[in-house]
C-alpha atoms as a PDB file:
ATOM      1  CA  GLN A   1      63.805-128.331 -81.987  1.00  0.00           C
ATOM      2  CA  VAL A   2      61.847-130.954 -80.528  1.00  0.00           C
ATOM      3  CA  GLN A   3      58.756-132.549 -81.799  1.00  0.00           C
ATOM      4  CA  LEU A   4      56.407-134.723 -79.476  1.00  0.00           C
ATOM      5  CA  VAL A   5      53.956-136.906 -81.706  1.00  0.00           C
ATOM      6  CA  GLU A   6      51.055-138.754 -79.741  1.00  0.00           C
ATOM      7  CA  SER A   7      49.156-141.962 -81.014  1.00  0.00           C
ATOM      8  CA  GLY A   8      46.843-144.515 -79.604  1.00  0.00           C
ATOM      9  CA  GLY A   9      43.667-142.557 -79.014  1.00  0.00           C
ATOM     10  CA  GLY A  10      40.037-143.350 -80.282  1.00  0.00           C
ATOM     11  CA  LEU A  11      36.752-144.362 -79.026  1.00  0.00           C
ATOM     12  CA  VAL A  12      36.289-147.134 -76.354  1.00  0.00           C
ATOM     13  CA  GLN A  13      33.503-148.484 -74.335  1.00  0.00           C
ATOM     14  CA  PRO A  14      33.670-147.936 -70.551  1.00  0.00           C
ATOM     15  CA  GLY A  15      35.602-150.530 -68.806  1.00  0.00           C
ATOM     16  CA  GLY A  16      37.770-150.653 -71.776  1.00  0.00           C
ATOM     17  CA  SER A  17      41.490-150.122 -72.455  1.00  0.00           C
ATOM     18  CA  LEU A  18      43.622-147.873 -74.500  1.00  0.00           C
ATOM     19  CA  THR A  19      47.378-147.492 -74.791  1.00  0.00           C
ATOM     20  CA  LEU A  20      48.683-143.972 -75.909  1.00  0.00           C
ATOM     21  CA  SER A  21      52.163-143.688 -77.042  1.00  0.00           C
ATOM     22  CA  CYS A  22      54.461-140.496 -77.498  1.00  0.00           C
ATOM     23  CA  VAL A  23      57.693-140.399 -79.280  1.00  0.00           C
ATOM     24  CA  ALA A  24      60.205-137.495 -79.075  1.00  0.00           C
ATOM     25  CA  SER A  25      62.171-136.642 -81.903  1.00  0.00           C
ATOM     26  CA  GLY A  26      64.792-133.715 -82.942  1.00  0.00           C
ATOM     27  CA  ARG A  27      67.371-132.091 -80.995  1.00  0.00           C
ATOM     28  CA  ILE A  28      67.387-134.237 -77.921  1.00  0.00           C
ATOM     29  CA  PHE A  29      70.549-134.592 -75.436  1.00  0.00           C
ATOM     30  CA  ARG A  30      68.609-135.740 -72.356  1.00  0.00           C
ATOM     31  CA  THR A  31      65.279-136.175 -71.280  1.00  0.00           C
ATOM     32  CA  ILE A  32      64.470-134.732 -67.822  1.00  0.00           C
ATOM     33  CA  ALA A  33      60.687-135.923 -67.979  1.00  0.00           C
ATOM     34  CA  MET A  34      57.747-136.893 -69.591  1.00  0.00           C
ATOM     35  CA  GLY A  35      54.126-137.165 -68.866  1.00  0.00           C
ATOM     36  CA  TRP A  36      50.651-136.899 -69.977  1.00  0.00           C
ATOM     37  CA  TYR A  37      47.912-134.224 -69.292  1.00  0.00           C
ATOM     38  CA  ARG A  38      44.515-133.942 -70.521  1.00  0.00           C
ATOM     39  CA  GLN A  39      41.586-131.689 -71.088  1.00  0.00           C
ATOM     40  CA  ALA A  40      38.146-132.190 -71.500  1.00  0.00           C
ATOM     41  CA  PRO A  41      35.432-129.634 -72.840  1.00  0.00           C
ATOM     42  CA  GLY A  42      35.112-126.567 -70.684  1.00  0.00           C
ATOM     43  CA  LYS A  43      37.702-127.730 -68.224  1.00  0.00           C
ATOM     44  CA  GLU A  44      41.368-126.594 -67.790  1.00  0.00           C
ATOM     45  CA  ARG A  45      44.359-128.781 -68.467  1.00  0.00           C
ATOM     46  CA  GLU A  46      45.361-131.366 -65.803  1.00  0.00           C
ATOM     47  CA  LEU A  47      47.917-133.740 -64.927  1.00  0.00           C
ATOM     48  CA  VAL A  48      47.413-137.171 -65.412  1.00  0.00           C
ATOM     49  CA  ALA A  49      50.603-138.882 -64.817  1.00  0.00           C
ATOM     50  CA  THR A  50      54.579-138.215 -65.010  1.00  0.00           C
ATOM     51  CA  HIS A  51      57.722-139.971 -65.111  1.00  0.00           C
ATOM     52  CA  ASN A  52      61.144-138.557 -64.437  1.00  0.00           C
ATOM     53  CA  ALA A  53      64.492-139.616 -65.290  1.00  0.00           C
ATOM     54  CA  GLY A  54      65.175-141.428 -62.161  1.00  0.00           C
ATOM     55  CA  GLY A  55      61.934-143.560 -62.859  1.00  0.00           C
ATOM     56  CA  ASN A  56      59.663-141.900 -60.281  1.00  0.00           C
ATOM     57  CA  THR A  57      56.175-141.701 -61.381  1.00  0.00           C
ATOM     58  CA  ASN A  58      53.398-139.472 -60.329  1.00  0.00           C
ATOM     59  CA  TYR A  59      49.588-139.807 -61.031  1.00  0.00           C
ATOM     60  CA  ALA A  60      46.314-137.933 -60.791  1.00  0.00           C
ATOM     61  CA  ASP A  61      44.215-139.323 -57.870  1.00  0.00           C
ATOM     62  CA  SER A  62      41.680-139.945 -60.443  1.00  0.00           C
ATOM     63  CA  VAL A  63      43.479-142.289 -62.459  1.00  0.00           C
ATOM     64  CA  LYS A  64      45.468-144.005 -59.756  1.00  0.00           C
ATOM     65  CA  GLY A  65      45.123-148.003 -60.005  1.00  0.00           C
ATOM     66  CA  ARG A  66      43.789-147.869 -63.521  1.00  0.00           C
ATOM     67  CA  PHE A  67      46.466-145.959 -65.434  1.00  0.00           C
ATOM     68  CA  ALA A  68      49.996-146.611 -65.669  1.00  0.00           C
ATOM     69  CA  ILE A  69      52.847-144.568 -67.340  1.00  0.00           C
ATOM     70  CA  SER A  70      56.017-146.354 -68.554  1.00  0.00           C
ATOM     71  CA  ARG A  71      59.179-145.028 -70.493  1.00  0.00           C
ATOM     72  CA  ASP A  72      61.441-146.248 -73.087  1.00  0.00           C
ATOM     73  CA  ASN A  73      64.981-144.101 -72.743  1.00  0.00           C
ATOM     74  CA  ALA A  74      66.572-145.400 -75.585  1.00  0.00           C
ATOM     75  CA  ALA A  75      63.722-144.738 -78.016  1.00  0.00           C
ATOM     76  CA  ASN A  76      62.600-141.443 -76.343  1.00  0.00           C
ATOM     77  CA  THR A  77      59.275-142.856 -75.918  1.00  0.00           C
ATOM     78  CA  VAL A  78      56.485-142.660 -73.222  1.00  0.00           C
ATOM     79  CA  TYR A  79      53.202-144.649 -72.906  1.00  0.00           C
ATOM     80  CA  LEU A  80      50.067-144.522 -70.864  1.00  0.00           C
ATOM     81  CA  GLN A  81      48.435-147.758 -70.476  1.00  0.00           C
ATOM     82  CA  MET A  82      44.580-146.825 -69.491  1.00  0.00           C
ATOM     83  CA  ASN A  83      42.586-149.537 -68.081  1.00  0.00           C
ATOM     84  CA  SER A  84      39.022-149.659 -66.741  1.00  0.00           C
ATOM     85  CA  LEU A  85      38.160-146.440 -68.766  1.00  0.00           C
ATOM     86  CA  LYS A  86      35.411-144.146 -67.561  1.00  0.00           C
ATOM     87  CA  PRO A  87      33.265-141.629 -69.471  1.00  0.00           C
ATOM     88  CA  GLU A  88      34.783-139.124 -67.546  1.00  0.00           C
ATOM     89  CA  ASP A  89      38.195-140.017 -68.703  1.00  0.00           C
ATOM     90  CA  THR A  90      37.227-138.391 -72.041  1.00  0.00           C
ATOM     91  CA  ALA A  91      39.599-135.631 -72.957  1.00  0.00           C
ATOM     92  CA  VAL A  92      42.253-134.742 -75.515  1.00  0.00           C
ATOM     93  CA  TYR A  93      45.336-136.366 -74.160  1.00  0.00           C
ATOM     94  CA  TYR A  94      48.726-134.394 -74.466  1.00  0.00           C
ATOM     95  CA  CYS A  95      52.234-135.442 -74.150  1.00  0.00           C
ATOM     96  CA  ASN A  96      54.539-133.402 -72.423  1.00  0.00           C
ATOM     97  CA  ALA A  97      58.509-133.465 -71.892  1.00  0.00           C
ATOM     98  CA  TYR A  98      61.182-131.534 -70.376  1.00  0.00           C
ATOM     99  CA  ILE A  99      64.171-131.672 -72.618  1.00  0.00           C
ATOM    100  CA  TYR A 100      67.620-130.642 -72.666  1.00  0.00           C
ATOM    101  CA  SER A 101      69.131-129.938 -76.003  1.00  0.00           C
ATOM    102  CA  ASP A 102      72.726-129.729 -74.983  1.00  0.00           C
ATOM    103  CA  TYR A 103      74.465-129.363 -71.624  1.00  0.00           C
ATOM    104  CA  VAL A 104      72.744-126.136 -70.542  1.00  0.00           C
ATOM    105  CA  THR A 105      69.626-125.242 -72.628  1.00  0.00           C
ATOM    106  CA  TRP A 106      66.331-127.480 -71.761  1.00  0.00           C
ATOM    107  CA  ASN A 107      62.849-126.558 -72.707  1.00  0.00           C
ATOM    108  CA  GLU A 108      59.257-127.527 -72.144  1.00  0.00           C
ATOM    109  CA  TYR A 109      57.459-129.363 -74.929  1.00  0.00           C
ATOM    110  CA  TRP A 110      53.955-130.281 -75.816  1.00  0.00           C
ATOM    111  CA  GLY A 111      52.634-132.508 -78.300  1.00  0.00           C
ATOM    112  CA  GLN A 112      49.418-131.905 -80.601  1.00  0.00           C
ATOM    113  CA  GLY A 113      46.933-133.755 -78.676  1.00  0.00           C
ATOM    114  CA  THR A 114      45.106-137.269 -79.211  1.00  0.00           C
ATOM    115  CA  GLN A 115      41.460-137.662 -78.664  1.00  0.00           C
ATOM    116  CA  VAL A 116      40.068-140.137 -76.120  1.00  0.00           C
ATOM    117  CA  THR A 117      36.516-140.903 -75.988  1.00  0.00           C
ATOM    118  CA  VAL A 118      34.723-143.271 -73.492  1.00  0.00           C
ATOM    119  CA  SER A 119      31.392-144.125 -74.518  1.00  0.00           C
ATOM    120  CA  SER A 120      28.855-146.854 -75.147  1.00  0.00           C
END
């Protein structure tokens, strides 16, 4: 099994910055992709940013130019640097990963979520 543990959420004022971290541990043979999703109250979970094994990144239009995703493959860790935060960025942020546990078996995993609140 694989576990994803997020950290770094909290309360920040509009215009401020936060960095989220997510560490994957357990039976990991190879990580295909890691990313971040978020879910605000009353809304569906949405993609924020993804980072695949080839180094390609993808961002939601709403965060382009403000957020940056990065990975430390050796540490099985993905980061989300969030700058110029807005109240509408308030949500629970979830780490997501597609991981091979051996040569042929892969699964999708989710973290437990970390709350980000942007408010003055």
